[in-house]
Amino acid sequence: MIKKMRLPYSPDIFGSILSEETFNYHYGKHYVNYLNKLNDLIKNTEFENLKLKDIIKKSDGNIFNNAAQVWNHEFYWMSISKESSEDTKKQFFSDNNESEIETKKSFINSASKLFGSGWCWFIKDDLGKFSFVNTKNANNLIQNERVIPLFVCDVWEHAYYIDYRNDRLKYLNSFWDLINWKFVKKNLSN
């Protein structure tokens, strides 16, 4: 059985940027619903004692969709932080000869053009290039061993509709200020 992830912060920490009400729905209902469905689906199956990543790699259909959504959401929770990581962010852009302004523009462009629901991933590929990749619905990058996911932005409406209504662009600009660059650095070193 897959255990529920504890948030690494209080759900009220982000104030109006991501409200406690949003977290109550997003974490407390959407994420928990995927988790509960997944655990029901894998009970007494070959997947019951597997790790989440292994379930994603070996499954399809409803089991894959729920497992992937659990993993995607957990990666998203780790991708944001209220704790300042400004020094780590500066170091990241300095070490990698990347422009923060251009990277943010690429992020906004990619995530705002994703039609419907999905995820916008900041990745490093096996050639050392950084870019943004969008996935639809529950899809993620676990099966792609040529990329390292560094952070993800949830662009399903339930992630931002309470606080931003249908203004995805405003949400994306706010999200950029919450990126946990310490998490990015950790993912780069794995």
C-alpha atoms as a PDB file:
ATOM      1  CA  MET A   1       0.000   0.000   0.000  1.00  0.00           C
ATOM      2  CA  ILE A   2       1.151   3.495  -0.747  1.00  0.00           C
ATOM      3  CA  LYS A   3       1.257   5.855   2.195  1.00  0.00           C
ATOM      4  CA  LYS A   4       0.045   9.432   2.153  1.00  0.00           C
ATOM      5  CA  MET A   5       2.791  12.001   1.889  1.00  0.00           C
ATOM      6  CA  ARG A   6       2.906  14.580   4.660  1.00  0.00           C
ATOM      7  CA  LEU A   7       3.263  18.095   3.334  1.00  0.00           C
ATOM      8  CA  PRO A   8       6.702  19.538   4.133  1.00  0.00           C
ATOM      9  CA  TYR A   9       4.995  22.754   5.266  1.00  0.00           C
ATOM     10  CA  SER A  10       1.750  23.978   6.739  1.00  0.00           C
ATOM     11  CA  PRO A  11      -1.060  24.365   4.156  1.00  0.00           C
ATOM     12  CA  ASP A  12      -1.620  27.972   5.242  1.00  0.00           C
ATOM     13  CA  ILE A  13       1.986  29.086   4.729  1.00  0.00           C
ATOM     14  CA  PHE A  14       1.587  30.530   1.217  1.00  0.00           C
ATOM     15  CA  GLY A  15      -1.152  33.012   2.099  1.00  0.00           C
ATOM     16  CA  SER A  16      -3.046  34.330  -0.909  1.00  0.00           C
ATOM     17  CA  ILE A  17      -0.472  32.980  -3.381  1.00  0.00           C
ATOM     18  CA  LEU A  18      -1.806  29.461  -2.767  1.00  0.00           C
ATOM     19  CA  SER A  19      -4.494  29.678  -0.139  1.00  0.00           C
ATOM     20  CA  GLU A  20      -5.229  27.195   2.607  1.00  0.00           C
ATOM     21  CA  GLU A  21      -8.563  26.588   0.888  1.00  0.00           C
ATOM     22  CA  THR A  22      -6.711  25.583  -2.276  1.00  0.00           C
ATOM     23  CA  PHE A  23      -4.552  23.164  -0.284  1.00  0.00           C
ATOM     24  CA  ASN A  24      -7.610  21.725   1.437  1.00  0.00           C
ATOM     25  CA  TYR A  25      -9.023  20.819  -1.982  1.00  0.00           C
ATOM     26  CA  HIS A  26      -5.822  20.086  -3.856  1.00  0.00           C
ATOM     27  CA  TYR A  27      -3.953  18.066  -1.226  1.00  0.00           C
ATOM     28  CA  GLY A  28      -6.823  17.074   1.057  1.00  0.00           C
ATOM     29  CA  LYS A  29      -9.253  15.974  -1.641  1.00  0.00           C
ATOM     30  CA  HIS A  30      -7.705  15.558  -5.129  1.00  0.00           C
ATOM     31  CA  TYR A  31      -4.404  13.996  -4.065  1.00  0.00           C
ATOM     32  CA  VAL A  32      -5.980  11.884  -1.309  1.00  0.00           C
ATOM     33  CA  ASN A  33      -8.660  10.689  -3.736  1.00  0.00           C
ATOM     34  CA  TYR A  34      -5.989   9.473  -6.214  1.00  0.00           C
ATOM     35  CA  LEU A  35      -4.143   7.774  -3.352  1.00  0.00           C
ATOM     36  CA  ASN A  36      -7.235   6.029  -2.004  1.00  0.00           C
ATOM     37  CA  LYS A  37      -8.286   4.873  -5.478  1.00  0.00           C
ATOM     38  CA  LEU A  38      -4.783   3.586  -6.159  1.00  0.00           C
ATOM     39  CA  ASN A  39      -4.681   1.608  -2.919  1.00  0.00           C
ATOM     40  CA  ASP A  40      -8.102   0.118  -3.674  1.00  0.00           C
ATOM     41  CA  LEU A  41      -6.993  -0.821  -7.205  1.00  0.00           C
ATOM     42  CA  ILE A  42      -3.734  -2.502  -6.178  1.00  0.00           C
ATOM     43  CA  LYS A  43      -5.118  -4.440  -3.235  1.00  0.00           C
ATOM     44  CA  ASN A  44      -4.430  -8.168  -3.721  1.00  0.00           C
ATOM     45  CA  THR A  45      -2.628  -7.594  -7.038  1.00  0.00           C
ATOM     46  CA  GLU A  46       0.961  -7.863  -8.215  1.00  0.00           C
ATOM     47  CA  PHE A  47       1.316  -4.113  -7.505  1.00  0.00           C
ATOM     48  CA  GLU A  48       0.323  -4.187  -3.839  1.00  0.00           C
ATOM     49  CA  ASN A  49       3.865  -4.270  -2.431  1.00  0.00           C
ATOM     50  CA  LEU A  50       5.672  -2.314  -5.142  1.00  0.00           C
ATOM     51  CA  LYS A  51       7.088   1.171  -4.764  1.00  0.00           C
ATOM     52  CA  LEU A  52       5.152   3.957  -6.436  1.00  0.00           C
ATOM     53  CA  LYS A  53       7.670   4.421  -9.291  1.00  0.00           C
ATOM     54  CA  ASP A  54       7.610   0.706 -10.031  1.00  0.00           C
ATOM     55  CA  ILE A  55       3.818   0.700 -10.168  1.00  0.00           C
ATOM     56  CA  ILE A  56       3.961   3.561 -12.679  1.00  0.00           C
ATOM     57  CA  LYS A  57       6.546   1.767 -14.827  1.00  0.00           C
ATOM     58  CA  LYS A  58       4.658  -1.554 -14.868  1.00  0.00           C
ATOM     59  CA  SER A  59       1.008  -0.519 -15.016  1.00  0.00           C
ATOM     60  CA  ASP A  60      -1.499   1.018 -17.383  1.00  0.00           C
ATOM     61  CA  GLY A  61      -5.102   2.179 -17.332  1.00  0.00           C
ATOM     62  CA  ASN A  62      -6.639   3.173 -14.009  1.00  0.00           C
ATOM     63  CA  ILE A  63      -3.752   1.881 -11.921  1.00  0.00           C
ATOM     64  CA  PHE A  64      -1.252   3.910 -13.958  1.00  0.00           C
ATOM     65  CA  ASN A  65      -3.435   7.036 -13.928  1.00  0.00           C
ATOM     66  CA  ASN A  66      -3.896   7.033 -10.169  1.00  0.00           C
ATOM     67  CA  ALA A  67      -0.298   6.044  -9.373  1.00  0.00           C
ATOM     68  CA  ALA A  68       1.080   8.699 -11.721  1.00  0.00           C
ATOM     69  CA  GLN A  69      -1.189  11.368 -10.265  1.00  0.00           C
ATOM     70  CA  VAL A  70      -0.042  10.478  -6.753  1.00  0.00           C
ATOM     71  CA  TRP A  71       3.617  10.734  -7.808  1.00  0.00           C
ATOM     72  CA  ASN A  72       3.090  13.920  -9.834  1.00  0.00           C
ATOM     73  CA  HIS A  73       1.380  15.609  -6.917  1.00  0.00           C
ATOM     74  CA  GLU A  74       4.078  14.566  -4.461  1.00  0.00           C
ATOM     75  CA  PHE A  75       6.729  15.949  -6.813  1.00  0.00           C
ATOM     76  CA  TYR A  76       4.693  19.159  -7.091  1.00  0.00           C
ATOM     77  CA  TRP A  77       4.458  19.556  -3.283  1.00  0.00           C
ATOM     78  CA  MET A  78       8.255  19.286  -3.110  1.00  0.00           C
ATOM     79  CA  SER A  79       8.701  21.701  -6.031  1.00  0.00           C
ATOM     80  CA  ILE A  80       7.341  24.612  -4.016  1.00  0.00           C
ATOM     81  CA  SER A  81       8.466  26.218  -0.797  1.00  0.00           C
ATOM     82  CA  LYS A  82       7.873  29.387   1.156  1.00  0.00           C
ATOM     83  CA  GLU A  83      11.390  29.133   2.561  1.00  0.00           C
ATOM     84  CA  SER A  84      13.746  31.359   0.598  1.00  0.00           C
ATOM     85  CA  SER A  85      16.032  29.579  -1.819  1.00  0.00           C
ATOM     86  CA  GLU A  86      17.214  32.754  -3.545  1.00  0.00           C
ATOM     87  CA  ASP A  87      20.918  31.940  -3.042  1.00  0.00           C
ATOM     88  CA  THR A  88      20.439  28.442  -4.453  1.00  0.00           C
ATOM     89  CA  LYS A  89      18.509  29.878  -7.407  1.00  0.00           C
ATOM     90  CA  LYS A  90      21.291  32.372  -8.172  1.00  0.00           C
ATOM     91  CA  GLN A  91      23.851  29.595  -7.885  1.00  0.00           C
ATOM     92  CA  PHE A  92      21.829  27.366 -10.235  1.00  0.00           C
ATOM     93  CA  PHE A  93      21.674  29.993 -12.966  1.00  0.00           C
ATOM     94  CA  SER A  94      25.327  30.926 -12.474  1.00  0.00           C
ATOM     95  CA  ASP A  95      26.580  27.323 -12.512  1.00  0.00           C
ATOM     96  CA  ASN A  96      24.578  26.407 -15.585  1.00  0.00           C
ATOM     97  CA  ASN A  97      25.047  29.576 -17.661  1.00  0.00           C
ATOM     98  CA  GLU A  98      21.297  29.980 -17.845  1.00  0.00           C
ATOM     99  CA  SER A  99      19.361  33.230 -17.790  1.00  0.00           C
ATOM    100  CA  GLU A 100      16.663  33.377 -15.144  1.00  0.00           C
ATOM    101  CA  ILE A 101      14.676  35.860 -17.227  1.00  0.00           C
ATOM    102  CA  GLU A 102      14.764  33.621 -20.319  1.00  0.00           C
ATOM    103  CA  THR A 103      14.079  30.479 -18.291  1.00  0.00           C
ATOM    104  CA  LYS A 104      11.049  32.085 -16.663  1.00  0.00           C
ATOM    105  CA  LYS A 105       9.792  33.231 -20.076  1.00  0.00           C
ATOM    106  CA  SER A 106      10.177  29.687 -21.398  1.00  0.00           C
ATOM    107  CA  PHE A 107       8.310  28.326 -18.380  1.00  0.00           C
ATOM    108  CA  ILE A 108       5.420  30.785 -18.759  1.00  0.00           C
ATOM    109  CA  ASN A 109       5.267  30.143 -22.510  1.00  0.00           C
ATOM    110  CA  SER A 110       5.254  26.363 -22.141  1.00  0.00           C
ATOM    111  CA  ALA A 111       2.824  26.122 -19.209  1.00  0.00           C
ATOM    112  CA  SER A 112       0.406  28.699 -20.599  1.00  0.00           C
ATOM    113  CA  LYS A 113       0.171  26.881 -23.947  1.00  0.00           C
ATOM    114  CA  LEU A 114      -0.678  23.510 -22.431  1.00  0.00           C
ATOM    115  CA  PHE A 115      -4.239  22.941 -23.586  1.00  0.00           C
ATOM    116  CA  GLY A 116      -6.505  21.455 -20.975  1.00  0.00           C
ATOM    117  CA  SER A 117      -5.022  19.694 -17.969  1.00  0.00           C
ATOM    118  CA  GLY A 118      -1.543  18.469 -17.255  1.00  0.00           C
ATOM    119  CA  TRP A 119       1.906  19.261 -15.949  1.00  0.00           C
ATOM    120  CA  CYS A 120       4.787  21.509 -16.973  1.00  0.00           C
ATOM    121  CA  TRP A 121       8.164  19.916 -16.092  1.00  0.00           C
ATOM    122  CA  PHE A 122      11.534  21.641 -15.916  1.00  0.00           C
ATOM    123  CA  ILE A 123      14.023  19.003 -17.016  1.00  0.00           C
ATOM    124  CA  LYS A 124      17.647  18.373 -17.786  1.00  0.00           C
ATOM    125  CA  ASP A 125      18.195  15.930 -20.638  1.00  0.00           C
ATOM    126  CA  ASP A 126      21.020  13.465 -21.162  1.00  0.00           C
ATOM    127  CA  LEU A 127      22.864  16.042 -23.284  1.00  0.00           C
ATOM    128  CA  GLY A 128      22.862  18.498 -20.372  1.00  0.00           C
ATOM    129  CA  LYS A 129      20.234  20.799 -21.893  1.00  0.00           C
ATOM    130  CA  PHE A 130      17.548  22.396 -19.715  1.00  0.00           C
ATOM    131  CA  SER A 131      14.020  22.766 -21.076  1.00  0.00           C
ATOM    132  CA  PHE A 132      10.327  22.571 -20.280  1.00  0.00           C
ATOM    133  CA  VAL A 133       8.221  19.581 -21.245  1.00  0.00           C
ATOM    134  CA  ASN A 134       4.458  19.387 -20.915  1.00  0.00           C
ATOM    135  CA  THR A 135       2.593  16.177 -20.188  1.00  0.00           C
ATOM    136  CA  LYS A 136      -1.146  15.692 -20.448  1.00  0.00           C
ATOM    137  CA  ASN A 137      -3.426  14.310 -17.767  1.00  0.00           C
ATOM    138  CA  ALA A 138      -1.563  11.831 -15.499  1.00  0.00           C
ATOM    139  CA  ASN A 139       1.468  11.361 -17.734  1.00  0.00           C
ATOM    140  CA  ASN A 140       4.913  12.060 -16.341  1.00  0.00           C
ATOM    141  CA  LEU A 141       8.561  11.466 -17.207  1.00  0.00           C
ATOM    142  CA  ILE A 142       9.349   8.410 -15.083  1.00  0.00           C
ATOM    143  CA  GLN A 143       9.590   6.105 -18.099  1.00  0.00           C
ATOM    144  CA  ASN A 144      11.982   8.483 -19.873  1.00  0.00           C
ATOM    145  CA  GLU A 145      15.429   7.690 -18.533  1.00  0.00           C
ATOM    146  CA  ARG A 146      16.995  10.364 -20.755  1.00  0.00           C
ATOM    147  CA  VAL A 147      15.674  13.224 -18.616  1.00  0.00           C
ATOM    148  CA  ILE A 148      15.889  14.350 -15.000  1.00  0.00           C
ATOM    149  CA  PRO A 149      12.770  16.144 -13.743  1.00  0.00           C
ATOM    150  CA  LEU A 150      13.843  19.152 -11.653  1.00  0.00           C
ATOM    151  CA  PHE A 151      10.497  20.728 -10.725  1.00  0.00           C
ATOM    152  CA  VAL A 152       6.930  20.515 -11.920  1.00  0.00           C
ATOM    153  CA  CYS A 153       4.015  22.915 -12.079  1.00  0.00           C
ATOM    154  CA  ASP A 154       0.515  21.498 -11.832  1.00  0.00           C
ATOM    155  CA  VAL A 155      -1.607  23.236 -14.459  1.00  0.00           C
ATOM    156  CA  TRP A 156      -4.813  21.381 -13.770  1.00  0.00           C
ATOM    157  CA  GLU A 157      -7.387  24.010 -12.828  1.00  0.00           C
ATOM    158  CA  HIS A 158      -7.903  22.543  -9.356  1.00  0.00           C
ATOM    159  CA  ALA A 159      -4.332  23.674  -8.542  1.00  0.00           C
ATOM    160  CA  TYR A 160      -5.179  27.344  -8.951  1.00  0.00           C
ATOM    161  CA  TYR A 161      -8.854  28.003  -9.707  1.00  0.00           C
ATOM    162  CA  ILE A 162      -9.874  28.978  -6.162  1.00  0.00           C
ATOM    163  CA  ASP A 163      -7.163  31.642  -5.961  1.00  0.00           C
ATOM    164  CA  TYR A 164      -6.851  32.723  -9.606  1.00  0.00           C
ATOM    165  CA  ARG A 165     -10.091  31.613 -11.260  1.00  0.00           C
ATOM    166  CA  ASN A 166      -9.216  31.042 -14.924  1.00  0.00           C
ATOM    167  CA  ASP A 167      -6.145  33.315 -14.890  1.00  0.00           C
ATOM    168  CA  ARG A 168      -3.479  30.669 -15.475  1.00  0.00           C
ATOM    169  CA  LEU A 169      -0.904  33.324 -16.407  1.00  0.00           C
ATOM    170  CA  LYS A 170      -1.213  35.033 -13.022  1.00  0.00           C
ATOM    171  CA  TYR A 171      -0.887  31.645 -11.287  1.00  0.00           C
ATOM    172  CA  LEU A 172       2.234  30.792 -13.300  1.00  0.00           C
ATOM    173  CA  ASN A 173       3.907  34.099 -12.424  1.00  0.00           C
ATOM    174  CA  SER A 174       3.149  33.514  -8.745  1.00  0.00           C
ATOM    175  CA  PHE A 175       4.304  29.902  -8.957  1.00  0.00           C
ATOM    176  CA  TRP A 176       7.732  30.990 -10.222  1.00  0.00           C
ATOM    177  CA  ASP A 177       8.326  32.800  -6.930  1.00  0.00           C
ATOM    178  CA  LEU A 178       7.546  29.618  -4.964  1.00  0.00           C
ATOM    179  CA  ILE A 179       9.927  27.264  -6.780  1.00  0.00           C
ATOM    180  CA  ASN A 180      12.029  25.296  -4.346  1.00  0.00           C
ATOM    181  CA  TRP A 181      15.485  25.700  -5.889  1.00  0.00           C
ATOM    182  CA  LYS A 182      16.969  23.533  -3.144  1.00  0.00           C
ATOM    183  CA  PHE A 183      14.778  20.708  -4.477  1.00  0.00           C
ATOM    184  CA  VAL A 184      15.989  21.481  -8.015  1.00  0.00           C
ATOM    185  CA  LYS A 185      19.606  21.279  -6.823  1.00  0.00           C
ATOM    186  CA  LYS A 186      18.914  17.980  -5.047  1.00  0.00           C
ATOM    187  CA  ASN A 187      17.363  16.503  -8.193  1.00  0.00           C
ATOM    188  CA  LEU A 188      20.355  17.606 -10.251  1.00  0.00           C
ATOM    189  CA  SER A 189      22.717  15.781  -7.920  1.00  0.00           C
ATOM    190  CA  ASN A 190      20.783  12.474  -7.988  1.00  0.00           C
END
